[in-house]
Amino acid sequence: MELMPLGSRWLEPELRRVYAVVSAAAAPEDSARAEHLFRAAIQRAQDLRFPAFERSCLASFQEFLKSSGREDREVEARLRELSHLANAGRRVAEAMQARSA
């Protein structure tokens, strides 16, 4: 997080997501901290209005929860709302390819 240049926050939600994933793996006994980090990443993506990053954060958080036998209906509902972003990268690549053909 300290390596992020000032004024360049567009990747912050993704960096926070990765930090949460690494923290969860490195200290599985501290699930409360990992959960806090995931929720902070999700909140930052929402604050910045970056739904693609929000979806990525939510998906990782959902995996984390499932690994401990838990679920969060709000997370599941929001993931359904953002499901149209699931294949966004592939769809953009296909559109660019079709456009150049």
PDB file of N, CA and C in Angstrom:
ATOM      1  N   MET A   1       0.818  -1.174   0.000  1.00  0.00           N
ATOM      2  CA  MET A   1       0.000   0.000   0.000  1.00  0.00           C
ATOM      3  C   MET A   1       0.878   1.261   0.000  1.00  0.00           C
ATOM      4  N   GLU A   2       1.987   1.194   0.676  1.00  0.00           N
ATOM      5  CA  GLU A   2       2.875   2.349   0.738  1.00  0.00           C
ATOM      6  C   GLU A   2       3.546   2.641  -0.599  1.00  0.00           C
ATOM      7  N   LEU A   3       3.567   1.669  -1.489  1.00  0.00           N
ATOM      8  CA  LEU A   3       4.204   1.859  -2.785  1.00  0.00           C
ATOM      9  C   LEU A   3       3.314   2.597  -3.777  1.00  0.00           C
ATOM     10  N   MET A   4       2.043   2.764  -3.454  1.00  0.00           N
ATOM     11  CA  MET A   4       1.131   3.461  -4.348  1.00  0.00           C
ATOM     12  C   MET A   4       1.525   4.930  -4.435  1.00  0.00           C
ATOM     13  N   PRO A   5       1.682   5.421  -5.651  1.00  0.00           N
ATOM     14  CA  PRO A   5       2.020   6.847  -5.769  1.00  0.00           C
ATOM     15  C   PRO A   5       0.839   7.717  -5.330  1.00  0.00           C
ATOM     16  N   LEU A   6       1.156   8.840  -4.752  1.00  0.00           N
ATOM     17  CA  LEU A   6       0.104   9.773  -4.333  1.00  0.00           C
ATOM     18  C   LEU A   6      -0.712  10.211  -5.540  1.00  0.00           C
ATOM     19  N   GLY A   7      -2.001  10.281  -5.344  1.00  0.00           N
ATOM     20  CA  GLY A   7      -2.880  10.727  -6.415  1.00  0.00           C
ATOM     21  C   GLY A   7      -3.261   9.635  -7.396  1.00  0.00           C
ATOM     22  N   SER A   8      -2.721   8.468  -7.256  1.00  0.00           N
ATOM     23  CA  SER A   8      -3.031   7.364  -8.165  1.00  0.00           C
ATOM     24  C   SER A   8      -3.727   6.269  -7.370  1.00  0.00           C
ATOM     25  N   ARG A   9      -4.992   6.466  -7.086  1.00  0.00           N
ATOM     26  CA  ARG A   9      -5.732   5.556  -6.223  1.00  0.00           C
ATOM     27  C   ARG A   9      -6.621   4.590  -6.978  1.00  0.00           C
ATOM     28  N   TRP A  10      -6.590   4.613  -8.304  1.00  0.00           N
ATOM     29  CA  TRP A  10      -7.539   3.785  -9.040  1.00  0.00           C
ATOM     30  C   TRP A  10      -7.308   2.301  -8.840  1.00  0.00           C
ATOM     31  N   LEU A  11      -6.115   1.882  -8.461  1.00  0.00           N
ATOM     32  CA  LEU A  11      -5.856   0.461  -8.186  1.00  0.00           C
ATOM     33  C   LEU A  11      -5.960   0.106  -6.705  1.00  0.00           C
ATOM     34  N   GLU A  12      -6.258   1.080  -5.875  1.00  0.00           N
ATOM     35  CA  GLU A  12      -6.288   0.837  -4.436  1.00  0.00           C
ATOM     36  C   GLU A  12      -7.223  -0.300  -4.026  1.00  0.00           C
ATOM     37  N   PRO A  13      -8.445  -0.391  -4.557  1.00  0.00           N
ATOM     38  CA  PRO A  13      -9.297  -1.513  -4.143  1.00  0.00           C
ATOM     39  C   PRO A  13      -8.671  -2.874  -4.448  1.00  0.00           C
ATOM     40  N   GLU A  14      -8.018  -2.989  -5.599  1.00  0.00           N
ATOM     41  CA  GLU A  14      -7.395  -4.259  -5.966  1.00  0.00           C
ATOM     42  C   GLU A  14      -6.198  -4.551  -5.073  1.00  0.00           C
ATOM     43  N   LEU A  15      -5.415  -3.556  -4.761  1.00  0.00           N
ATOM     44  CA  LEU A  15      -4.286  -3.751  -3.849  1.00  0.00           C
ATOM     45  C   LEU A  15      -4.781  -4.172  -2.464  1.00  0.00           C
ATOM     46  N   ARG A  16      -5.858  -3.558  -2.019  1.00  0.00           N
ATOM     47  CA  ARG A  16      -6.429  -3.926  -0.729  1.00  0.00           C
ATOM     48  C   ARG A  16      -6.971  -5.358  -0.759  1.00  0.00           C
ATOM     49  N   ARG A  17      -7.563  -5.755  -1.879  1.00  0.00           N
ATOM     50  CA  ARG A  17      -8.074  -7.125  -2.025  1.00  0.00           C
ATOM     51  C   ARG A  17      -6.932  -8.122  -1.920  1.00  0.00           C
ATOM     52  N   VAL A  18      -5.866  -7.878  -2.661  1.00  0.00           N
ATOM     53  CA  VAL A  18      -4.710  -8.778  -2.634  1.00  0.00           C
ATOM     54  C   VAL A  18      -4.107  -8.828  -1.234  1.00  0.00           C
ATOM     55  N   TYR A  19      -4.035  -7.698  -0.578  1.00  0.00           N
ATOM     56  CA  TYR A  19      -3.520  -7.652   0.797  1.00  0.00           C
ATOM     57  C   TYR A  19      -4.382  -8.511   1.724  1.00  0.00           C
ATOM     58  N   ALA A  20      -5.697  -8.443   1.550  1.00  0.00           N
ATOM     59  CA  ALA A  20      -6.601  -9.254   2.366  1.00  0.00           C
ATOM     60  C   ALA A  20      -6.417 -10.736   2.087  1.00  0.00           C
ATOM     61  N   VAL A  21      -6.270 -11.108   0.825  1.00  0.00           N
ATOM     62  CA  VAL A  21      -6.068 -12.512   0.451  1.00  0.00           C
ATOM     63  C   VAL A  21      -4.770 -13.034   1.065  1.00  0.00           C
ATOM     64  N   VAL A  22      -3.711 -12.261   0.939  1.00  0.00           N
ATOM     65  CA  VAL A  22      -2.410 -12.664   1.485  1.00  0.00           C
ATOM     66  C   VAL A  22      -2.479 -12.753   3.010  1.00  0.00           C
ATOM     67  N   SER A  23      -3.123 -11.787   3.632  1.00  0.00           N
ATOM     68  CA  SER A  23      -3.255 -11.800   5.093  1.00  0.00           C
ATOM     69  C   SER A  23      -4.042 -13.010   5.567  1.00  0.00           C
ATOM     70  N   ALA A  24      -5.101 -13.340   4.853  1.00  0.00           N
ATOM     71  CA  ALA A  24      -5.913 -14.508   5.225  1.00  0.00           C
ATOM     72  C   ALA A  24      -5.100 -15.791   5.117  1.00  0.00           C
ATOM     73  N   ALA A  25      -4.272 -15.885   4.089  1.00  0.00           N
ATOM     74  CA  ALA A  25      -3.458 -17.085   3.895  1.00  0.00           C
ATOM     75  C   ALA A  25      -2.302 -17.151   4.890  1.00  0.00           C
ATOM     76  N   ALA A  26      -1.726 -15.994   5.196  1.00  0.00           N
ATOM     77  CA  ALA A  26      -0.559 -15.965   6.083  1.00  0.00           C
ATOM     78  C   ALA A  26      -0.932 -16.159   7.550  1.00  0.00           C
ATOM     79  N   ALA A  27      -2.132 -15.730   7.921  1.00  0.00           N
ATOM     80  CA  ALA A  27      -2.545 -15.833   9.327  1.00  0.00           C
ATOM     81  C   ALA A  27      -3.981 -16.339   9.405  1.00  0.00           C
ATOM     82  N   PRO A  28      -4.188 -17.621   9.066  1.00  0.00           N
ATOM     83  CA  PRO A  28      -5.553 -18.153   9.056  1.00  0.00           C
ATOM     84  C   PRO A  28      -6.244 -18.112  10.422  1.00  0.00           C
ATOM     85  N   GLU A  29      -5.454 -18.024  11.484  1.00  0.00           N
ATOM     86  CA  GLU A  29      -6.043 -17.956  12.818  1.00  0.00           C
ATOM     87  C   GLU A  29      -6.642 -16.576  13.118  1.00  0.00           C
ATOM     88  N   ASP A  30      -6.310 -15.585  12.309  1.00  0.00           N
ATOM     89  CA  ASP A  30      -6.799 -14.220  12.525  1.00  0.00           C
ATOM     90  C   ASP A  30      -7.826 -13.864  11.452  1.00  0.00           C
ATOM     91  N   SER A  31      -8.913 -14.611  11.432  1.00  0.00           N
ATOM     92  CA  SER A  31      -9.927 -14.402  10.401  1.00  0.00           C
ATOM     93  C   SER A  31     -10.641 -13.058  10.563  1.00  0.00           C
ATOM     94  N   ALA A  32     -10.709 -12.541  11.772  1.00  0.00           N
ATOM     95  CA  ALA A  32     -11.362 -11.244  11.984  1.00  0.00           C
ATOM     96  C   ALA A  32     -10.598 -10.137  11.262  1.00  0.00           C
ATOM     97  N   ARG A  33      -9.284 -10.203  11.318  1.00  0.00           N
ATOM     98  CA  ARG A  33      -8.469  -9.187  10.631  1.00  0.00           C
ATOM     99  C   ARG A  33      -8.647  -9.302   9.129  1.00  0.00           C
ATOM    100  N   ALA A  34      -8.607 -10.520   8.617  1.00  0.00           N
ATOM    101  CA  ALA A  34      -8.786 -10.723   7.183  1.00  0.00           C
ATOM    102  C   ALA A  34     -10.154 -10.216   6.737  1.00  0.00           C
ATOM    103  N   GLU A  35     -11.182 -10.521   7.519  1.00  0.00           N
ATOM    104  CA  GLU A  35     -12.524 -10.051   7.169  1.00  0.00           C
ATOM    105  C   GLU A  35     -12.567  -8.526   7.133  1.00  0.00           C
ATOM    106  N   HIS A  36     -11.944  -7.903   8.111  1.00  0.00           N
ATOM    107  CA  HIS A  36     -11.888  -6.432   8.139  1.00  0.00           C
ATOM    108  C   HIS A  36     -11.204  -5.890   6.878  1.00  0.00           C
ATOM    109  N   LEU A  37     -10.105  -6.531   6.485  1.00  0.00           N
ATOM    110  CA  LEU A  37      -9.378  -6.085   5.289  1.00  0.00           C
ATOM    111  C   LEU A  37     -10.212  -6.268   4.024  1.00  0.00           C
ATOM    112  N   PHE A  38     -10.916  -7.389   3.915  1.00  0.00           N
ATOM    113  CA  PHE A  38     -11.789  -7.597   2.758  1.00  0.00           C
ATOM    114  C   PHE A  38     -12.884  -6.533   2.706  1.00  0.00           C
ATOM    115  N   ARG A  39     -13.501  -6.283   3.844  1.00  0.00           N
ATOM    116  CA  ARG A  39     -14.589  -5.296   3.877  1.00  0.00           C
ATOM    117  C   ARG A  39     -14.076  -3.895   3.549  1.00  0.00           C
ATOM    118  N   ALA A  40     -12.860  -3.578   3.970  1.00  0.00           N
ATOM    119  CA  ALA A  40     -12.262  -2.276   3.643  1.00  0.00           C
ATOM    120  C   ALA A  40     -12.008  -2.160   2.139  1.00  0.00           C
ATOM    121  N   ALA A  41     -11.568  -3.245   1.529  1.00  0.00           N
ATOM    122  CA  ALA A  41     -11.334  -3.243   0.080  1.00  0.00           C
ATOM    123  C   ALA A  41     -12.648  -3.038  -0.669  1.00  0.00           C
ATOM    124  N   ILE A  42     -13.677  -3.738  -0.240  1.00  0.00           N
ATOM    125  CA  ILE A  42     -15.003  -3.605  -0.865  1.00  0.00           C
ATOM    126  C   ILE A  42     -15.503  -2.173  -0.713  1.00  0.00           C
ATOM    127  N   GLN A  43     -15.385  -1.637   0.493  1.00  0.00           N
ATOM    128  CA  GLN A  43     -15.853  -0.271   0.745  1.00  0.00           C
ATOM    129  C   GLN A  43     -15.107   0.740  -0.110  1.00  0.00           C
ATOM    130  N   ARG A  44     -13.807   0.549  -0.265  1.00  0.00           N
ATOM    131  CA  ARG A  44     -13.010   1.490  -1.074  1.00  0.00           C
ATOM    132  C   ARG A  44     -13.449   1.441  -2.536  1.00  0.00           C
ATOM    133  N   ALA A  45     -13.695   0.250  -3.039  1.00  0.00           N
ATOM    134  CA  ALA A  45     -14.177   0.121  -4.424  1.00  0.00           C
ATOM    135  C   ALA A  45     -15.526   0.815  -4.580  1.00  0.00           C
ATOM    136  N   GLN A  46     -16.390   0.675  -3.578  1.00  0.00           N
ATOM    137  CA  GLN A  46     -17.690   1.343  -3.630  1.00  0.00           C
ATOM    138  C   GLN A  46     -17.525   2.854  -3.544  1.00  0.00           C
ATOM    139  N   ASP A  47     -16.654   3.321  -2.662  1.00  0.00           N
ATOM    140  CA  ASP A  47     -16.411   4.758  -2.518  1.00  0.00           C
ATOM    141  C   ASP A  47     -15.914   5.382  -3.819  1.00  0.00           C
ATOM    142  N   LEU A  48     -15.046   4.639  -4.512  1.00  0.00           N
ATOM    143  CA  LEU A  48     -14.478   5.132  -5.766  1.00  0.00           C
ATOM    144  C   LEU A  48     -15.397   4.879  -6.961  1.00  0.00           C
ATOM    145  N   ARG A  49     -16.488   4.161  -6.723  1.00  0.00           N
ATOM    146  CA  ARG A  49     -17.457   3.806  -7.765  1.00  0.00           C
ATOM    147  C   ARG A  49     -16.793   3.012  -8.891  1.00  0.00           C
ATOM    148  N   PHE A  50     -16.083   1.951  -8.471  1.00  0.00           N
ATOM    149  CA  PHE A  50     -15.417   1.041  -9.405  1.00  0.00           C
ATOM    150  C   PHE A  50     -16.069  -0.332  -9.279  1.00  0.00           C
ATOM    151  N   PRO A  51     -17.182  -0.567  -9.966  1.00  0.00           N
ATOM    152  CA  PRO A  51     -17.903  -1.826  -9.797  1.00  0.00           C
ATOM    153  C   PRO A  51     -17.107  -3.064 -10.199  1.00  0.00           C
ATOM    154  N   ALA A  52     -16.216  -2.952 -11.174  1.00  0.00           N
ATOM    155  CA  ALA A  52     -15.426  -4.125 -11.557  1.00  0.00           C
ATOM    156  C   ALA A  52     -14.501  -4.547 -10.411  1.00  0.00           C
ATOM    157  N   PHE A  53     -13.873  -3.570  -9.753  1.00  0.00           N
ATOM    158  CA  PHE A  53     -13.023  -3.883  -8.611  1.00  0.00           C
ATOM    159  C   PHE A  53     -13.867  -4.339  -7.425  1.00  0.00           C
ATOM    160  N   GLU A  54     -15.042  -3.744  -7.265  1.00  0.00           N
ATOM    161  CA  GLU A  54     -15.930  -4.171  -6.184  1.00  0.00           C
ATOM    162  C   GLU A  54     -16.287  -5.641  -6.362  1.00  0.00           C
ATOM    163  N   ARG A  55     -16.613  -6.029  -7.597  1.00  0.00           N
ATOM    164  CA  ARG A  55     -16.960  -7.416  -7.872  1.00  0.00           C
ATOM    165  C   ARG A  55     -15.803  -8.352  -7.530  1.00  0.00           C
ATOM    166  N   SER A  56     -14.608  -7.966  -7.915  1.00  0.00           N
ATOM    167  CA  SER A  56     -13.423  -8.777  -7.625  1.00  0.00           C
ATOM    168  C   SER A  56     -13.213  -8.919  -6.119  1.00  0.00           C
ATOM    169  N   CYS A  57     -13.372  -7.831  -5.391  1.00  0.00           N
ATOM    170  CA  CYS A  57     -13.227  -7.868  -3.926  1.00  0.00           C
ATOM    171  C   CYS A  57     -14.299  -8.748  -3.298  1.00  0.00           C
ATOM    172  N   LEU A  58     -15.519  -8.606  -3.769  1.00  0.00           N
ATOM    173  CA  LEU A  58     -16.621  -9.411  -3.244  1.00  0.00           C
ATOM    174  C   LEU A  58     -16.404 -10.901  -3.516  1.00  0.00           C
ATOM    175  N   ALA A  59     -15.939 -11.227  -4.719  1.00  0.00           N
ATOM    176  CA  ALA A  59     -15.716 -12.632  -5.072  1.00  0.00           C
ATOM    177  C   ALA A  59     -14.635 -13.251  -4.187  1.00  0.00           C
ATOM    178  N   SER A  60     -13.562 -12.519  -3.949  1.00  0.00           N
ATOM    179  CA  SER A  60     -12.504 -13.030  -3.071  1.00  0.00           C
ATOM    180  C   SER A  60     -12.996 -13.166  -1.641  1.00  0.00           C
ATOM    181  N   PHE A  61     -13.784 -12.204  -1.199  1.00  0.00           N
ATOM    182  CA  PHE A  61     -14.337 -12.267   0.155  1.00  0.00           C
ATOM    183  C   PHE A  61     -15.276 -13.455   0.291  1.00  0.00           C
ATOM    184  N   GLN A  62     -16.077 -13.697  -0.733  1.00  0.00           N
ATOM    185  CA  GLN A  62     -16.985 -14.842  -0.705  1.00  0.00           C
ATOM    186  C   GLN A  62     -16.199 -16.155  -0.607  1.00  0.00           C
ATOM    187  N   GLU A  63     -15.106 -16.272  -1.351  1.00  0.00           N
ATOM    188  CA  GLU A  63     -14.251 -17.465  -1.263  1.00  0.00           C
ATOM    189  C   GLU A  63     -13.694 -17.622   0.148  1.00  0.00           C
ATOM    190  N   PHE A  64     -13.241 -16.523   0.718  1.00  0.00           N
ATOM    191  CA  PHE A  64     -12.710 -16.540   2.082  1.00  0.00           C
ATOM    192  C   PHE A  64     -13.774 -17.037   3.057  1.00  0.00           C
ATOM    193  N   LEU A  65     -14.974 -16.491   2.943  1.00  0.00           N
ATOM    194  CA  LEU A  65     -16.052 -16.903   3.832  1.00  0.00           C
ATOM    195  C   LEU A  65     -16.381 -18.388   3.666  1.00  0.00           C
ATOM    196  N   LYS A  66     -16.475 -18.832   2.423  1.00  0.00           N
ATOM    197  CA  LYS A  66     -16.793 -20.240   2.159  1.00  0.00           C
ATOM    198  C   LYS A  66     -15.734 -21.168   2.728  1.00  0.00           C
ATOM    199  N   SER A  67     -14.473 -20.739   2.681  1.00  0.00           N
ATOM    200  CA  SER A  67     -13.394 -21.587   3.194  1.00  0.00           C
ATOM    201  C   SER A  67     -13.512 -21.810   4.698  1.00  0.00           C
ATOM    202  N   SER A  68     -14.230 -20.916   5.363  1.00  0.00           N
ATOM    203  CA  SER A  68     -14.431 -21.093   6.807  1.00  0.00           C
ATOM    204  C   SER A  68     -15.862 -21.535   7.126  1.00  0.00           C
ATOM    205  N   GLY A  69     -16.584 -21.982   6.093  1.00  0.00           N
ATOM    206  CA  GLY A  69     -17.928 -22.493   6.294  1.00  0.00           C
ATOM    207  C   GLY A  69     -18.968 -21.432   6.581  1.00  0.00           C
ATOM    208  N   ARG A  70     -18.685 -20.211   6.169  1.00  0.00           N
ATOM    209  CA  ARG A  70     -19.625 -19.112   6.421  1.00  0.00           C
ATOM    210  C   ARG A  70     -20.156 -18.563   5.107  1.00  0.00           C
ATOM    211  N   GLU A  71     -21.200 -17.793   5.217  1.00  0.00           N
ATOM    212  CA  GLU A  71     -21.747 -17.114   4.043  1.00  0.00           C
ATOM    213  C   GLU A  71     -22.282 -15.763   4.480  1.00  0.00           C
ATOM    214  N   ASP A  72     -22.456 -14.895   3.518  1.00  0.00           N
ATOM    215  CA  ASP A  72     -22.979 -13.560   3.778  1.00  0.00           C
ATOM    216  C   ASP A  72     -23.969 -13.258   2.667  1.00  0.00           C
ATOM    217  N   ARG A  73     -25.227 -13.207   3.008  1.00  0.00           N
ATOM    218  CA  ARG A  73     -26.274 -13.016   2.001  1.00  0.00           C
ATOM    219  C   ARG A  73     -26.160 -11.664   1.289  1.00  0.00           C
ATOM    220  N   GLU A  74     -25.684 -10.645   1.985  1.00  0.00           N
ATOM    221  CA  GLU A  74     -25.507  -9.337   1.350  1.00  0.00           C
ATOM    222  C   GLU A  74     -24.411  -9.407   0.281  1.00  0.00           C
ATOM    223  N   VAL A  75     -23.344 -10.112   0.572  1.00  0.00           N
ATOM    224  CA  VAL A  75     -22.266 -10.285  -0.401  1.00  0.00           C
ATOM    225  C   VAL A  75     -22.797 -11.041  -1.611  1.00  0.00           C
ATOM    226  N   GLU A  76     -23.520 -12.111  -1.375  1.00  0.00           N
ATOM    227  CA  GLU A  76     -24.084 -12.896  -2.475  1.00  0.00           C
ATOM    228  C   GLU A  76     -25.041 -12.062  -3.323  1.00  0.00           C
ATOM    229  N   ALA A  77     -25.871 -11.248  -2.676  1.00  0.00           N
ATOM    230  CA  ALA A  77     -26.820 -10.409  -3.405  1.00  0.00           C
ATOM    231  C   ALA A  77     -26.097  -9.375  -4.256  1.00  0.00           C
ATOM    232  N   ARG A  78     -25.079  -8.760  -3.694  1.00  0.00           N
ATOM    233  CA  ARG A  78     -24.337  -7.739  -4.456  1.00  0.00           C
ATOM    234  C   ARG A  78     -23.579  -8.380  -5.616  1.00  0.00           C
ATOM    235  N   LEU A  79     -23.046  -9.574  -5.416  1.00  0.00           N
ATOM    236  CA  LEU A  79     -22.382 -10.277  -6.511  1.00  0.00           C
ATOM    237  C   LEU A  79     -23.365 -10.564  -7.647  1.00  0.00           C
ATOM    238  N   ARG A  80     -24.593 -10.920  -7.309  1.00  0.00           N
ATOM    239  CA  ARG A  80     -25.609 -11.132  -8.349  1.00  0.00           C
ATOM    240  C   ARG A  80     -25.881  -9.835  -9.098  1.00  0.00           C
ATOM    241  N   GLU A  81     -25.935  -8.712  -8.373  1.00  0.00           N
ATOM    242  CA  GLU A  81     -26.164  -7.415  -9.010  1.00  0.00           C
ATOM    243  C   GLU A  81     -25.039  -7.056  -9.978  1.00  0.00           C
ATOM    244  N   LEU A  82     -23.836  -7.484  -9.669  1.00  0.00           N
ATOM    245  CA  LEU A  82     -22.667  -7.156 -10.490  1.00  0.00           C
ATOM    246  C   LEU A  82     -22.282  -8.285 -11.446  1.00  0.00           C
ATOM    247  N   SER A  83     -23.123  -9.291 -11.575  1.00  0.00           N
ATOM    248  CA  SER A  83     -22.784 -10.471 -12.380  1.00  0.00           C
ATOM    249  C   SER A  83     -22.542 -10.127 -13.849  1.00  0.00           C
ATOM    250  N   HIS A  84     -23.109  -9.038 -14.318  1.00  0.00           N
ATOM    251  CA  HIS A  84     -22.894  -8.637 -15.710  1.00  0.00           C
ATOM    252  C   HIS A  84     -21.428  -8.279 -15.983  1.00  0.00           C
ATOM    253  N   LEU A  85     -20.648  -8.075 -14.942  1.00  0.00           N
ATOM    254  CA  LEU A  85     -19.228  -7.737 -15.100  1.00  0.00           C
ATOM    255  C   LEU A  85     -18.319  -8.964 -15.109  1.00  0.00           C
ATOM    256  N   ALA A  86     -18.901 -10.136 -14.928  1.00  0.00           N
ATOM    257  CA  ALA A  86     -18.100 -11.357 -14.779  1.00  0.00           C
ATOM    258  C   ALA A  86     -17.192 -11.611 -15.974  1.00  0.00           C
ATOM    259  N   ASN A  87     -17.665 -11.374 -17.167  1.00  0.00           N
ATOM    260  CA  ASN A  87     -16.884 -11.658 -18.369  1.00  0.00           C
ATOM    261  C   ASN A  87     -16.523 -10.383 -19.119  1.00  0.00           C
ATOM    262  N   ALA A  88     -16.454  -9.278 -18.421  1.00  0.00           N
ATOM    263  CA  ALA A  88     -16.219  -7.987 -19.075  1.00  0.00           C
ATOM    264  C   ALA A  88     -14.924  -7.967 -19.884  1.00  0.00           C
ATOM    265  N   GLY A  89     -13.858  -8.505 -19.322  1.00  0.00           N
ATOM    266  CA  GLY A  89     -12.579  -8.501 -20.042  1.00  0.00           C
ATOM    267  C   GLY A  89     -12.657  -9.266 -21.347  1.00  0.00           C
ATOM    268  N   ARG A  90     -13.282 -10.423 -21.302  1.00  0.00           N
ATOM    269  CA  ARG A  90     -13.413 -11.232 -22.511  1.00  0.00           C
ATOM    270  C   ARG A  90     -14.298 -10.529 -23.538  1.00  0.00           C
ATOM    271  N   ARG A  91     -15.396  -9.933 -23.079  1.00  0.00           N
ATOM    272  CA  ARG A  91     -16.307  -9.256 -23.997  1.00  0.00           C
ATOM    273  C   ARG A  91     -15.652  -8.051 -24.654  1.00  0.00           C
ATOM    274  N   VAL A  92     -14.862  -7.302 -23.898  1.00  0.00           N
ATOM    275  CA  VAL A  92     -14.144  -6.155 -24.471  1.00  0.00           C
ATOM    276  C   VAL A  92     -13.138  -6.632 -25.505  1.00  0.00           C
ATOM    277  N   ALA A  93     -12.405  -7.689 -25.186  1.00  0.00           N
ATOM    278  CA  ALA A  93     -11.415  -8.213 -26.131  1.00  0.00           C
ATOM    279  C   ALA A  93     -12.104  -8.682 -27.419  1.00  0.00           C
ATOM    280  N   GLU A  94     -13.233  -9.351 -27.292  1.00  0.00           N
ATOM    281  CA  GLU A  94     -13.959  -9.807 -28.478  1.00  0.00           C
ATOM    282  C   GLU A  94     -14.462  -8.638 -29.295  1.00  0.00           C
ATOM    283  N   ALA A  95     -14.948  -7.605 -28.629  1.00  0.00           N
ATOM    284  CA  ALA A  95     -15.438  -6.425 -29.347  1.00  0.00           C
ATOM    285  C   ALA A  95     -14.308  -5.715 -30.078  1.00  0.00           C
ATOM    286  N   MET A  96     -13.169  -5.620 -29.431  1.00  0.00           N
ATOM    287  CA  MET A  96     -12.001  -4.977 -30.063  1.00  0.00           C
ATOM    288  C   MET A  96     -11.532  -5.792 -31.263  1.00  0.00           C
ATOM    289  N   GLN A  97     -11.545  -7.105 -31.120  1.00  0.00           N
ATOM    290  CA  GLN A  97     -11.132  -7.984 -32.208  1.00  0.00           C
ATOM    291  C   GLN A  97     -12.106  -7.873 -33.380  1.00  0.00           C
ATOM    292  N   ALA A  98     -13.382  -7.849 -33.099  1.00  0.00           N
ATOM    293  CA  ALA A  98     -14.404  -7.731 -34.150  1.00  0.00           C
ATOM    294  C   ALA A  98     -14.299  -6.380 -34.840  1.00  0.00           C
ATOM    295  N   ARG A  99     -13.985  -5.370 -34.085  1.00  0.00           N
ATOM    296  CA  ARG A  99     -13.880  -4.019 -34.645  1.00  0.00           C
ATOM    297  C   ARG A  99     -12.693  -3.898 -35.596  1.00  0.00           C
ATOM    298  N   SER A 100     -11.607  -4.583 -35.274  1.00  0.00           N
ATOM    299  CA  SER A 100     -10.411  -4.497 -36.103  1.00  0.00           C
ATOM    300  C   SER A 100     -10.461  -5.433 -37.309  1.00  0.00           C
ATOM    301  N   ALA A 101     -11.451  -6.311 -37.349  1.00  0.00           N
ATOM    302  CA  ALA A 101     -11.562  -7.269 -38.463  1.00  0.00           C
ATOM    303  C   ALA A 101     -12.239  -6.672 -39.673  1.00  0.00           C
TER     304      ALA A 101
END
